[in-house]
PDB file of N, CA and C in Angstrom:
ATOM      1  N   MET A   1       6.174 -64.469  22.798  1.00  0.00           N
ATOM      2  CA  MET A   1       5.777 -63.249  22.150  1.00  0.00           C
ATOM      3  C   MET A   1       6.835 -62.187  22.434  1.00  0.00           C
ATOM      4  N   ASP A   2       7.115 -61.335  21.465  1.00  0.00           N
ATOM      5  CA  ASP A   2       8.127 -60.284  21.583  1.00  0.00           C
ATOM      6  C   ASP A   2       7.499 -58.980  22.067  1.00  0.00           C
ATOM      7  N   TYR A   3       8.266 -58.262  22.909  1.00  0.00           N
ATOM      8  CA  TYR A   3       7.788 -57.006  23.475  1.00  0.00           C
ATOM      9  C   TYR A   3       8.877 -55.949  23.397  1.00  0.00           C
ATOM     10  N   SER A   4       8.448 -54.695  23.386  1.00  0.00           N
ATOM     11  CA  SER A   4       9.364 -53.572  23.542  1.00  0.00           C
ATOM     12  C   SER A   4       8.729 -52.614  24.537  1.00  0.00           C
ATOM     13  N   TYR A   5       9.570 -51.921  25.273  1.00  0.00           N
ATOM     14  CA  TYR A   5       9.095 -51.025  26.317  1.00  0.00           C
ATOM     15  C   TYR A   5      10.000 -49.812  26.356  1.00  0.00           C
ATOM     16  N   ARG A   6       9.413 -48.624  26.259  1.00  0.00           N
ATOM     17  CA  ARG A   6      10.170 -47.379  26.347  1.00  0.00           C
ATOM     18  C   ARG A   6      10.274 -47.012  27.824  1.00  0.00           C
ATOM     19  N   THR A   7      11.499 -46.951  28.323  1.00  0.00           N
ATOM     20  CA  THR A   7      11.722 -46.707  29.743  1.00  0.00           C
ATOM     21  C   THR A   7      11.498 -45.242  30.100  1.00  0.00           C
ATOM     22  N   GLN A   8      11.315 -45.001  31.385  1.00  0.00           N
ATOM     23  CA  GLN A   8      11.146 -43.643  31.902  1.00  0.00           C
ATOM     24  C   GLN A   8      12.026 -43.474  33.132  1.00  0.00           C
ATOM     25  N   GLY A   9      12.800 -42.410  33.162  1.00  0.00           N
ATOM     26  CA  GLY A   9      13.594 -42.073  34.339  1.00  0.00           C
ATOM     27  C   GLY A   9      14.891 -42.840  34.492  1.00  0.00           C
ATOM     28  N   THR A  10      15.356 -43.484  33.419  1.00  0.00           N
ATOM     29  CA  THR A  10      16.614 -44.239  33.482  1.00  0.00           C
ATOM     30  C   THR A  10      17.529 -43.862  32.324  1.00  0.00           C
ATOM     31  N   CYS A  11      18.767 -44.283  32.427  1.00  0.00           N
ATOM     32  CA  CYS A  11      19.733 -44.047  31.347  1.00  0.00           C
ATOM     33  C   CYS A  11      19.407 -44.889  30.115  1.00  0.00           C
ATOM     34  N   SER A  12      18.891 -46.096  30.348  1.00  0.00           N
ATOM     35  CA  SER A  12      18.469 -46.901  29.196  1.00  0.00           C
ATOM     36  C   SER A  12      17.206 -46.269  28.606  1.00  0.00           C
ATOM     37  N   ARG A  13      17.028 -46.446  27.322  1.00  0.00           N
ATOM     38  CA  ARG A  13      15.896 -45.809  26.636  1.00  0.00           C
ATOM     39  C   ARG A  13      14.791 -46.798  26.278  1.00  0.00           C
ATOM     40  N   GLU A  14      15.175 -48.042  26.064  1.00  0.00           N
ATOM     41  CA  GLU A  14      14.204 -49.038  25.623  1.00  0.00           C
ATOM     42  C   GLU A  14      14.657 -50.423  26.061  1.00  0.00           C
ATOM     43  N   ILE A  15      13.667 -51.316  26.227  1.00  0.00           N
ATOM     44  CA  ILE A  15      13.958 -52.702  26.565  1.00  0.00           C
ATOM     45  C   ILE A  15      13.200 -53.588  25.581  1.00  0.00           C
ATOM     46  N   TYR A  16      13.898 -54.577  25.048  1.00  0.00           N
ATOM     47  CA  TYR A  16      13.283 -55.582  24.182  1.00  0.00           C
ATOM     48  C   TYR A  16      13.413 -56.934  24.881  1.00  0.00           C
ATOM     49  N   PHE A  17      12.367 -57.735  24.821  1.00  0.00           N
ATOM     50  CA  PHE A  17      12.405 -59.055  25.440  1.00  0.00           C
ATOM     51  C   PHE A  17      11.275 -59.911  24.889  1.00  0.00           C
ATOM     52  N   SER A  18      11.335 -61.201  25.205  1.00  0.00           N
ATOM     53  CA  SER A  18      10.284 -62.140  24.837  1.00  0.00           C
ATOM     54  C   SER A  18       9.810 -62.849  26.096  1.00  0.00           C
ATOM     55  N   ILE A  19       8.570 -63.297  26.053  1.00  0.00           N
ATOM     56  CA  ILE A  19       8.067 -64.192  27.092  1.00  0.00           C
ATOM     57  C   ILE A  19       7.518 -65.416  26.381  1.00  0.00           C
ATOM     58  N   GLU A  20       8.109 -66.568  26.698  1.00  0.00           N
ATOM     59  CA  GLU A  20       7.698 -67.843  26.105  1.00  0.00           C
ATOM     60  C   GLU A  20       7.424 -68.828  27.228  1.00  0.00           C
ATOM     61  N   ASP A  21       6.230 -69.387  27.250  1.00  0.00           N
ATOM     62  CA  ASP A  21       5.840 -70.338  28.291  1.00  0.00           C
ATOM     63  C   ASP A  21       6.075 -69.778  29.694  1.00  0.00           C
ATOM     64  N   GLY A  22       5.825 -68.475  29.852  1.00  0.00           N
ATOM     65  CA  GLY A  22       5.966 -67.827  31.150  1.00  0.00           C
ATOM     66  C   GLY A  22       7.379 -67.459  31.531  1.00  0.00           C
ATOM     67  N   LYS A  23       8.348 -67.731  30.649  1.00  0.00           N
ATOM     68  CA  LYS A  23       9.759 -67.458  30.921  1.00  0.00           C
ATOM     69  C   LYS A  23      10.240 -66.262  30.106  1.00  0.00           C
ATOM     70  N   VAL A  24      11.096 -65.432  30.718  1.00  0.00           N
ATOM     71  CA  VAL A  24      11.658 -64.259  30.045  1.00  0.00           C
ATOM     72  C   VAL A  24      12.868 -64.686  29.227  1.00  0.00           C
ATOM     73  N   LYS A  25      12.937 -64.205  27.992  1.00  0.00           N
ATOM     74  CA  LYS A  25      14.026 -64.575  27.080  1.00  0.00           C
ATOM     75  C   LYS A  25      14.508 -63.347  26.308  1.00  0.00           C
ATOM     76  N   ASP A  26      15.722 -63.415  25.804  1.00  0.00           N
ATOM     77  CA  ASP A  26      16.288 -62.431  24.863  1.00  0.00           C
ATOM     78  C   ASP A  26      16.122 -60.991  25.339  1.00  0.00           C
ATOM     79  N   ILE A  27      16.523 -60.701  26.574  1.00  0.00           N
ATOM     80  CA  ILE A  27      16.400 -59.350  27.130  1.00  0.00           C
ATOM     81  C   ILE A  27      17.526 -58.490  26.574  1.00  0.00           C
ATOM     82  N   ARG A  28      17.149 -57.359  25.992  1.00  0.00           N
ATOM     83  CA  ARG A  28      18.131 -56.411  25.448  1.00  0.00           C
ATOM     84  C   ARG A  28      17.739 -54.997  25.841  1.00  0.00           C
ATOM     85  N   PHE A  29      18.684 -54.268  26.414  1.00  0.00           N
ATOM     86  CA  PHE A  29      18.483 -52.874  26.781  1.00  0.00           C
ATOM     87  C   PHE A  29      19.155 -51.980  25.742  1.00  0.00           C
ATOM     88  N   VAL A  30      18.556 -50.843  25.445  1.00  0.00           N
ATOM     89  CA  VAL A  30      19.158 -49.842  24.569  1.00  0.00           C
ATOM     90  C   VAL A  30      19.602 -48.691  25.463  1.00  0.00           C
ATOM     91  N   GLY A  31      20.900 -48.411  25.462  1.00  0.00           N
ATOM     92  CA  GLY A  31      21.453 -47.377  26.333  1.00  0.00           C
ATOM     93  C   GLY A  31      21.697 -47.941  27.721  1.00  0.00           C
ATOM     94  N   GLY A  32      22.100 -47.075  28.627  1.00  0.00           N
ATOM     95  CA  GLY A  32      22.325 -47.494  30.006  1.00  0.00           C
ATOM     96  C   GLY A  32      23.716 -48.042  30.238  1.00  0.00           C
ATOM     97  N   CYS A  33      23.919 -48.606  31.400  1.00  0.00           N
ATOM     98  CA  CYS A  33      25.214 -49.149  31.826  1.00  0.00           C
ATOM     99  C   CYS A  33      25.400 -50.542  31.227  1.00  0.00           C
ATOM    100  N   ASP A  34      26.152 -50.608  30.172  1.00  0.00           N
ATOM    101  CA  ASP A  34      26.264 -51.813  29.360  1.00  0.00           C
ATOM    102  C   ASP A  34      26.568 -53.069  30.167  1.00  0.00           C
ATOM    103  N   GLY A  35      27.592 -53.037  30.988  1.00  0.00           N
ATOM    104  CA  GLY A  35      27.986 -54.233  31.736  1.00  0.00           C
ATOM    105  C   GLY A  35      26.915 -54.675  32.718  1.00  0.00           C
ATOM    106  N   ASN A  36      26.361 -53.741  33.466  1.00  0.00           N
ATOM    107  CA  ASN A  36      25.319 -54.084  34.439  1.00  0.00           C
ATOM    108  C   ASN A  36      24.082 -54.636  33.754  1.00  0.00           C
ATOM    109  N   LEU A  37      23.710 -54.050  32.636  1.00  0.00           N
ATOM    110  CA  LEU A  37      22.493 -54.494  31.955  1.00  0.00           C
ATOM    111  C   LEU A  37      22.695 -55.841  31.269  1.00  0.00           C
ATOM    112  N   LYS A  38      23.901 -56.109  30.798  1.00  0.00           N
ATOM    113  CA  LYS A  38      24.195 -57.444  30.266  1.00  0.00           C
ATOM    114  C   LYS A  38      24.087 -58.473  31.382  1.00  0.00           C
ATOM    115  N   ALA A  39      24.555 -58.106  32.585  1.00  0.00           N
ATOM    116  CA  ALA A  39      24.488 -59.019  33.727  1.00  0.00           C
ATOM    117  C   ALA A  39      23.041 -59.286  34.120  1.00  0.00           C
ATOM    118  N   ILE A  40      22.217 -58.242  34.203  1.00  0.00           N
ATOM    119  CA  ILE A  40      20.800 -58.426  34.519  1.00  0.00           C
ATOM    120  C   ILE A  40      20.160 -59.342  33.485  1.00  0.00           C
ATOM    121  N   SER A  41      20.461 -59.099  32.229  1.00  0.00           N
ATOM    122  CA  SER A  41      19.886 -59.912  31.150  1.00  0.00           C
ATOM    123  C   SER A  41      20.270 -61.379  31.297  1.00  0.00           C
ATOM    124  N   LYS A  42      21.543 -61.649  31.580  1.00  0.00           N
ATOM    125  CA  LYS A  42      22.003 -63.034  31.738  1.00  0.00           C
ATOM    126  C   LYS A  42      21.370 -63.697  32.953  1.00  0.00           C
ATOM    127  N   LEU A  43      21.290 -62.971  34.058  1.00  0.00           N
ATOM    128  CA  LEU A  43      20.732 -63.543  35.280  1.00  0.00           C
ATOM    129  C   LEU A  43      19.242 -63.846  35.157  1.00  0.00           C
ATOM    130  N   CYS A  44      18.535 -63.042  34.380  1.00  0.00           N
ATOM    131  CA  CYS A  44      17.081 -63.205  34.247  1.00  0.00           C
ATOM    132  C   CYS A  44      16.689 -64.144  33.109  1.00  0.00           C
ATOM    133  N   GLU A  45      17.605 -64.447  32.221  1.00  0.00           N
ATOM    134  CA  GLU A  45      17.321 -65.305  31.069  1.00  0.00           C
ATOM    135  C   GLU A  45      16.739 -66.644  31.507  1.00  0.00           C
ATOM    136  N   GLY A  46      15.556 -66.957  31.002  1.00  0.00           N
ATOM    137  CA  GLY A  46      14.924 -68.234  31.278  1.00  0.00           C
ATOM    138  C   GLY A  46      14.174 -68.306  32.600  1.00  0.00           C
ATOM    139  N   MET A  47      14.207 -67.221  33.375  1.00  0.00           N
ATOM    140  CA  MET A  47      13.485 -67.211  34.652  1.00  0.00           C
ATOM    141  C   MET A  47      11.997 -66.983  34.434  1.00  0.00           C
ATOM    142  N   ASP A  48      11.209 -67.413  35.390  1.00  0.00           N
ATOM    143  CA  ASP A  48       9.780 -67.153  35.374  1.00  0.00           C
ATOM    144  C   ASP A  48       9.561 -65.635  35.373  1.00  0.00           C
ATOM    145  N   ALA A  49       8.729 -65.152  34.459  1.00  0.00           N
ATOM    146  CA  ALA A  49       8.506 -63.716  34.293  1.00  0.00           C
ATOM    147  C   ALA A  49       7.991 -63.075  35.577  1.00  0.00           C
ATOM    148  N   ARG A  50       7.079 -63.722  36.263  1.00  0.00           N
ATOM    149  CA  ARG A  50       6.543 -63.169  37.512  1.00  0.00           C
ATOM    150  C   ARG A  50       7.623 -63.073  38.593  1.00  0.00           C
ATOM    151  N   LYS A  51       8.509 -64.037  38.633  1.00  0.00           N
ATOM    152  CA  LYS A  51       9.607 -64.023  39.607  1.00  0.00           C
ATOM    153  C   LYS A  51      10.565 -62.873  39.316  1.00  0.00           C
ATOM    154  N   VAL A  52      10.881 -62.637  38.051  1.00  0.00           N
ATOM    155  CA  VAL A  52      11.757 -61.518  37.685  1.00  0.00           C
ATOM    156  C   VAL A  52      11.117 -60.216  38.141  1.00  0.00           C
ATOM    157  N   SER A  53       9.841 -60.047  37.870  1.00  0.00           N
ATOM    158  CA  SER A  53       9.133 -58.836  38.288  1.00  0.00           C
ATOM    159  C   SER A  53       9.179 -58.683  39.803  1.00  0.00           C
ATOM    160  N   GLU A  54       8.924 -59.761  40.511  1.00  0.00           N
ATOM    161  CA  GLU A  54       8.932 -59.733  41.982  1.00  0.00           C
ATOM    162  C   GLU A  54      10.304 -59.312  42.521  1.00  0.00           C
ATOM    163  N   LEU A  55      11.360 -59.831  41.917  1.00  0.00           N
ATOM    164  CA  LEU A  55      12.719 -59.530  42.379  1.00  0.00           C
ATOM    165  C   LEU A  55      13.156 -58.094  42.082  1.00  0.00           C
ATOM    166  N   LEU A  56      12.744 -57.556  40.939  1.00  0.00           N
ATOM    167  CA  LEU A  56      13.273 -56.270  40.489  1.00  0.00           C
ATOM    168  C   LEU A  56      12.376 -55.068  40.774  1.00  0.00           C
ATOM    169  N   THR A  57      11.104 -55.294  41.064  1.00  0.00           N
ATOM    170  CA  THR A  57      10.192 -54.179  41.329  1.00  0.00           C
ATOM    171  C   THR A  57      10.672 -53.371  42.528  1.00  0.00           C
ATOM    172  N   GLY A  58      10.726 -52.068  42.345  1.00  0.00           N
ATOM    173  CA  GLY A  58      11.105 -51.163  43.424  1.00  0.00           C
ATOM    174  C   GLY A  58      12.590 -50.913  43.568  1.00  0.00           C
ATOM    175  N   ASN A  59      13.413 -51.592  42.772  1.00  0.00           N
ATOM    176  CA  ASN A  59      14.853 -51.359  42.806  1.00  0.00           C
ATOM    177  C   ASN A  59      15.140 -49.951  42.293  1.00  0.00           C
ATOM    178  N   THR A  60      15.974 -49.199  43.007  1.00  0.00           N
ATOM    179  CA  THR A  60      16.285 -47.833  42.591  1.00  0.00           C
ATOM    180  C   THR A  60      17.737 -47.719  42.168  1.00  0.00           C
ATOM    181  N   CYS A  61      18.053 -46.617  41.506  1.00  0.00           N
ATOM    182  CA  CYS A  61      19.409 -46.346  41.037  1.00  0.00           C
ATOM    183  C   CYS A  61      19.809 -44.953  41.527  1.00  0.00           C
ATOM    184  N   GLY A  62      20.742 -44.906  42.459  1.00  0.00           N
ATOM    185  CA  GLY A  62      21.178 -43.618  42.996  1.00  0.00           C
ATOM    186  C   GLY A  62      20.010 -42.842  43.577  1.00  0.00           C
ATOM    187  N   PHE A  63      19.883 -41.594  43.167  1.00  0.00           N
ATOM    188  CA  PHE A  63      18.819 -40.714  43.661  1.00  0.00           C
ATOM    189  C   PHE A  63      17.499 -40.897  42.919  1.00  0.00           C
ATOM    190  N   LYS A  64      17.497 -41.727  41.887  1.00  0.00           N
ATOM    191  CA  LYS A  64      16.294 -41.916  41.063  1.00  0.00           C
ATOM    192  C   LYS A  64      15.287 -42.814  41.781  1.00  0.00           C
ATOM    193  N   SER A  65      14.018 -42.643  41.460  1.00  0.00           N
ATOM    194  CA  SER A  65      12.970 -43.451  42.078  1.00  0.00           C
ATOM    195  C   SER A  65      12.746 -44.775  41.343  1.00  0.00           C
ATOM    196  N   THR A  66      13.545 -45.034  40.326  1.00  0.00           N
ATOM    197  CA  THR A  66      13.433 -46.254  39.532  1.00  0.00           C
ATOM    198  C   THR A  66      14.834 -46.690  39.119  1.00  0.00           C
ATOM    199  N   SER A  67      14.924 -47.753  38.354  1.00  0.00           N
ATOM    200  CA  SER A  67      16.190 -48.244  37.823  1.00  0.00           C
ATOM    201  C   SER A  67      15.881 -49.025  36.558  1.00  0.00           C
ATOM    202  N   CYS A  68      16.910 -49.440  35.862  1.00  0.00           N
ATOM    203  CA  CYS A  68      16.679 -50.260  34.665  1.00  0.00           C
ATOM    204  C   CYS A  68      16.024 -51.586  35.041  1.00  0.00           C
ATOM    205  N   GLY A  69      16.414 -52.152  36.185  1.00  0.00           N
ATOM    206  CA  GLY A  69      15.787 -53.381  36.651  1.00  0.00           C
ATOM    207  C   GLY A  69      14.317 -53.176  36.972  1.00  0.00           C
ATOM    208  N   ASP A  70      14.007 -52.078  37.651  1.00  0.00           N
ATOM    209  CA  ASP A  70      12.616 -51.742  37.965  1.00  0.00           C
ATOM    210  C   ASP A  70      11.822 -51.528  36.686  1.00  0.00           C
ATOM    211  N   GLN A  71      12.435 -50.896  35.695  1.00  0.00           N
ATOM    212  CA  GLN A  71      11.758 -50.678  34.419  1.00  0.00           C
ATOM    213  C   GLN A  71      11.500 -52.000  33.703  1.00  0.00           C
ATOM    214  N   LEU A  72      12.431 -52.951  33.812  1.00  0.00           N
ATOM    215  CA  LEU A  72      12.204 -54.280  33.243  1.00  0.00           C
ATOM    216  C   LEU A  72      11.016 -54.935  33.932  1.00  0.00           C
ATOM    217  N   ALA A  73      10.937 -54.813  35.248  1.00  0.00           N
ATOM    218  CA  ALA A  73       9.796 -55.374  35.984  1.00  0.00           C
ATOM    219  C   ALA A  73       8.486 -54.766  35.504  1.00  0.00           C
ATOM    220  N   ARG A  74       8.469 -53.453  35.315  1.00  0.00           N
ATOM    221  CA  ARG A  74       7.261 -52.777  34.826  1.00  0.00           C
ATOM    222  C   ARG A  74       6.901 -53.251  33.413  1.00  0.00           C
ATOM    223  N   ALA A  75       7.918 -53.438  32.584  1.00  0.00           N
ATOM    224  CA  ALA A  75       7.686 -53.909  31.214  1.00  0.00           C
ATOM    225  C   ALA A  75       7.090 -55.321  31.230  1.00  0.00           C
ATOM    226  N   ILE A  76       7.620 -56.168  32.084  1.00  0.00           N
ATOM    227  CA  ILE A  76       7.105 -57.531  32.195  1.00  0.00           C
ATOM    228  C   ILE A  76       5.667 -57.516  32.703  1.00  0.00           C
ATOM    229  N   ASP A  77       5.402 -56.712  33.714  1.00  0.00           N
ATOM    230  CA  ASP A  77       4.040 -56.603  34.256  1.00  0.00           C
ATOM    231  C   ASP A  77       3.044 -56.161  33.171  1.00  0.00           C
ATOM    232  N   LYS A  78       3.455 -55.183  32.385  1.00  0.00           N
ATOM    233  CA  LYS A  78       2.598 -54.691  31.299  1.00  0.00           C
ATOM    234  C   LYS A  78       2.345 -55.798  30.268  1.00  0.00           C
ATOM    235  N   ALA A  79       3.400 -56.518  29.906  1.00  0.00           N
ATOM    236  CA  ALA A  79       3.275 -57.601  28.923  1.00  0.00           C
ATOM    237  C   ALA A  79       2.349 -58.698  29.449  1.00  0.00           C
ATOM    238  N   LEU A  80       2.503 -59.057  30.710  1.00  0.00           N
ATOM    239  CA  LEU A  80       1.657 -60.101  31.296  1.00  0.00           C
ATOM    240  C   LEU A  80       0.203 -59.648  31.377  1.00  0.00           C
ATOM    241  N   ALA A  81      -0.026 -58.390  31.682  1.00  0.00           N
ATOM    242  CA  ALA A  81      -1.379 -57.855  31.771  1.00  0.00           C
ATOM    243  C   ALA A  81      -2.051 -57.849  30.401  1.00  0.00           C
ATOM    244  N   GLN A  82      -1.294 -57.582  29.349  1.00  0.00           N
ATOM    245  CA  GLN A  82      -1.831 -57.556  27.993  1.00  0.00           C
ATOM    246  C   GLN A  82      -2.290 -58.936  27.536  1.00  0.00           C
ATOM    247  N   ASN A  83      -1.643 -59.968  28.064  1.00  0.00           N
ATOM    248  CA  ASN A  83      -1.922 -61.325  27.617  1.00  0.00           C
ATOM    249  C   ASN A  83      -2.702 -62.157  28.628  1.00  0.00           C
ATOM    250  N   GLY A  84      -3.234 -61.472  29.653  1.00  0.00           N
ATOM    251  CA  GLY A  84      -4.073 -62.138  30.638  1.00  0.00           C
ATOM    252  C   GLY A  84      -3.363 -63.195  31.346  1.00  0.00           C
TER     253      GLY A  84
END
């Protein structure tokens, strides 16, 4: 299933991704640090969605209380909660 998530408190503005058979796929960030976000997307591709959330939850960026990775974790958590 395809999802979109509007981020809060980060340079990226939105995240698009899919979850198929519990695995995260096709992660795309809009805005933000292009190289870093491409790397996060590649590293998380095909991983178990719960594991990605576990790894990235609470990650911060500089002085901010969140990060693009943390926002991806929140987006995944929301998507999983919607689908039980």
